C-alpha cells in the first residue's frame, strides 16, 4: 500500500495541452482582439524566413521576432517560431543570397566528394 502511495506522489503531472493559432506570415493578425482576448489560446505560431533573419552572411536581424514576442507577451501569449528555409515554389527565395551564389554548387559538389572519401 505504501509503495503505491509513494509512486503516486513521485509521478510528475501530465502537462495540459495548449492551443496555438497558426498565422503563417500574417503577423498583423496577432493584434486581433478575438485572438488576444481568448483565454483558451496560449499563443501564436508565426513563420520567419532564414533570409529575413540573416539578410547578409553573419549579420542577424531579429527585430521581427522581438517585436512579435513583445506584442504577445503584453497580452500573456507565447510565440512558437517556424523557421522557413524551403518552399515548393520556385519563385520563393527563403534563404540568404550568399547561399545561392555562383560558387554554391561547386562547394556542394566538393563537400559530397569529401563525404564519400
Protein backbone atom coordinates (compact mmCIF):
# COMPACT_ATOMS: atom_id res chain seq x y z
CA UNK A 1 0.00 0.00 0.00
CA UNK A 2 2.75 2.49 0.93
CA UNK A 3 4.61 1.68 -2.31
CA UNK A 4 1.57 2.65 -4.39
CA UNK A 5 1.15 5.88 -2.46
CA UNK A 6 4.82 6.78 -2.98
CA UNK A 7 4.55 6.12 -6.74
CA UNK A 8 1.56 8.44 -6.97
CA UNK A 9 3.49 11.23 -5.26
CA UNK A 10 6.65 10.89 -7.40
CA UNK A 11 4.97 10.71 -10.83
CA UNK A 12 5.02 14.18 -12.43
CA UNK A 13 1.77 15.72 -13.60
CA UNK A 14 0.97 15.43 -17.27
CA UNK A 15 1.06 18.88 -18.90
CA UNK A 16 -2.22 20.21 -20.20
CA UNK A 17 -2.26 20.62 -23.99
CA UNK A 18 -2.20 24.23 -25.13
CA UNK A 19 -3.66 25.75 -28.27
CA UNK A 20 -1.73 27.97 -30.68
CA UNK A 21 -3.13 29.74 -33.73
CA UNK A 22 -1.11 29.33 -36.94
CA UNK A 23 -0.98 32.73 -38.61
CA UNK A 24 1.73 31.78 -41.10
CA UNK A 25 3.33 35.08 -42.19
CA UNK A 26 0.29 37.23 -41.41
CA UNK A 27 1.91 38.73 -38.32
CA UNK A 28 -0.51 41.67 -38.03
CA UNK A 29 -3.22 39.18 -37.11
CA UNK A 30 -1.64 38.66 -33.69
CA UNK A 31 -3.14 42.06 -32.80
CA UNK A 32 -6.74 40.95 -33.41
CA UNK A 33 -8.91 41.21 -30.29
CA UNK A 34 -10.59 37.86 -30.97
CA UNK A 35 -7.17 36.21 -30.63
CA UNK A 36 -5.74 38.32 -27.80
CA UNK A 37 -8.85 38.16 -25.61
CA UNK A 38 -9.35 34.40 -25.92
CA UNK A 39 -8.06 32.75 -22.71
CA UNK A 40 -8.15 29.31 -24.36
CA UNK A 41 -5.40 30.24 -26.82
CA UNK A 42 -1.86 30.12 -25.42
CA UNK A 43 -0.16 31.89 -28.31
CA UNK A 44 0.65 32.20 -31.98
CA UNK A 45 2.75 30.24 -34.44
CA UNK A 46 4.45 32.53 -36.96
CA UNK A 47 6.75 31.83 -39.90
CA UNK A 48 10.03 33.67 -40.39
CA UNK A 49 12.33 33.09 -43.34
CA UNK A 50 16.02 32.48 -42.96
CA UNK A 51 16.52 35.35 -45.42
CA UNK A 52 14.63 37.78 -43.12
CA UNK A 53 16.62 36.78 -40.06
CA UNK A 54 20.04 36.73 -41.76
CA UNK A 55 19.86 39.23 -44.64
CA UNK A 56 23.66 39.25 -45.02
CA UNK A 57 26.05 36.49 -44.03
CA UNK A 58 26.67 36.54 -40.25
CA UNK A 59 24.51 39.65 -39.76
CA UNK A 60 21.31 38.81 -37.95
CA UNK A 61 18.10 40.83 -37.75
CA UNK A 62 15.82 39.55 -35.00
CA UNK A 63 13.62 42.67 -34.90
CA UNK A 64 10.59 40.87 -36.39
CA UNK A 65 10.75 38.14 -33.75
CA UNK A 66 11.39 40.56 -30.89
CA UNK A 67 8.52 42.85 -31.95
CA UNK A 68 6.09 39.94 -32.30
CA UNK A 69 7.21 38.46 -28.98
CA UNK A 70 6.76 41.81 -27.20
CA UNK A 71 3.22 42.13 -28.60
CA UNK A 72 2.29 38.65 -27.48
CA UNK A 73 3.91 38.92 -24.05
CA UNK A 74 1.98 42.13 -23.31
CA UNK A 75 -1.16 40.01 -23.62
CA UNK A 76 0.11 36.93 -21.80
CA UNK A 77 0.59 34.94 -25.01
CA UNK A 78 3.52 32.88 -26.22
CA UNK A 79 5.32 32.64 -29.56
CA UNK A 80 6.01 29.45 -31.49
CA UNK A 81 8.59 30.15 -34.21
CA UNK A 82 8.66 28.31 -37.53
CA UNK A 83 11.87 28.90 -39.47
CA UNK A 84 11.18 28.64 -43.19
CA UNK A 85 14.13 27.69 -45.39
CA UNK A 86 12.43 25.75 -48.16
CA UNK A 87 9.40 26.14 -50.38
CA UNK A 88 7.56 24.27 -53.09
CA UNK A 89 7.51 27.44 -55.18
CA UNK A 90 10.46 28.28 -57.41
CA UNK A 91 9.60 31.96 -57.00
CA UNK A 92 10.07 31.94 -53.21
CA UNK A 93 13.58 32.76 -52.07
CA UNK A 94 13.72 31.94 -48.38
CA UNK A 95 17.46 31.67 -47.80
CA UNK A 96 20.11 34.41 -47.76
CA UNK A 97 21.71 35.34 -51.08
CA UNK A 98 25.13 34.03 -50.04
CA UNK A 99 23.66 30.51 -50.10
CA UNK A 100 22.53 30.99 -53.68
CA UNK A 101 25.72 32.46 -55.11
CA UNK A 102 27.54 31.04 -58.16
CA UNK A 103 30.10 29.16 -56.07
CA UNK A 104 27.50 27.28 -54.07
CA UNK A 105 27.10 24.36 -56.49
CA UNK A 106 30.88 23.96 -56.71
CA UNK A 107 31.16 23.96 -52.89
CA UNK A 108 28.33 21.42 -52.59
CA UNK A 109 29.93 19.06 -55.11
CA UNK A 110 33.26 19.35 -53.25
CA UNK A 111 31.54 18.56 -49.94
CA UNK A 112 29.84 15.50 -51.44
CA UNK A 113 33.20 14.25 -52.79
CA UNK A 114 34.80 14.71 -49.36
CA UNK A 115 31.99 12.87 -47.61
CA UNK A 116 32.37 9.89 -49.95
CA UNK A 117 36.05 9.63 -49.08
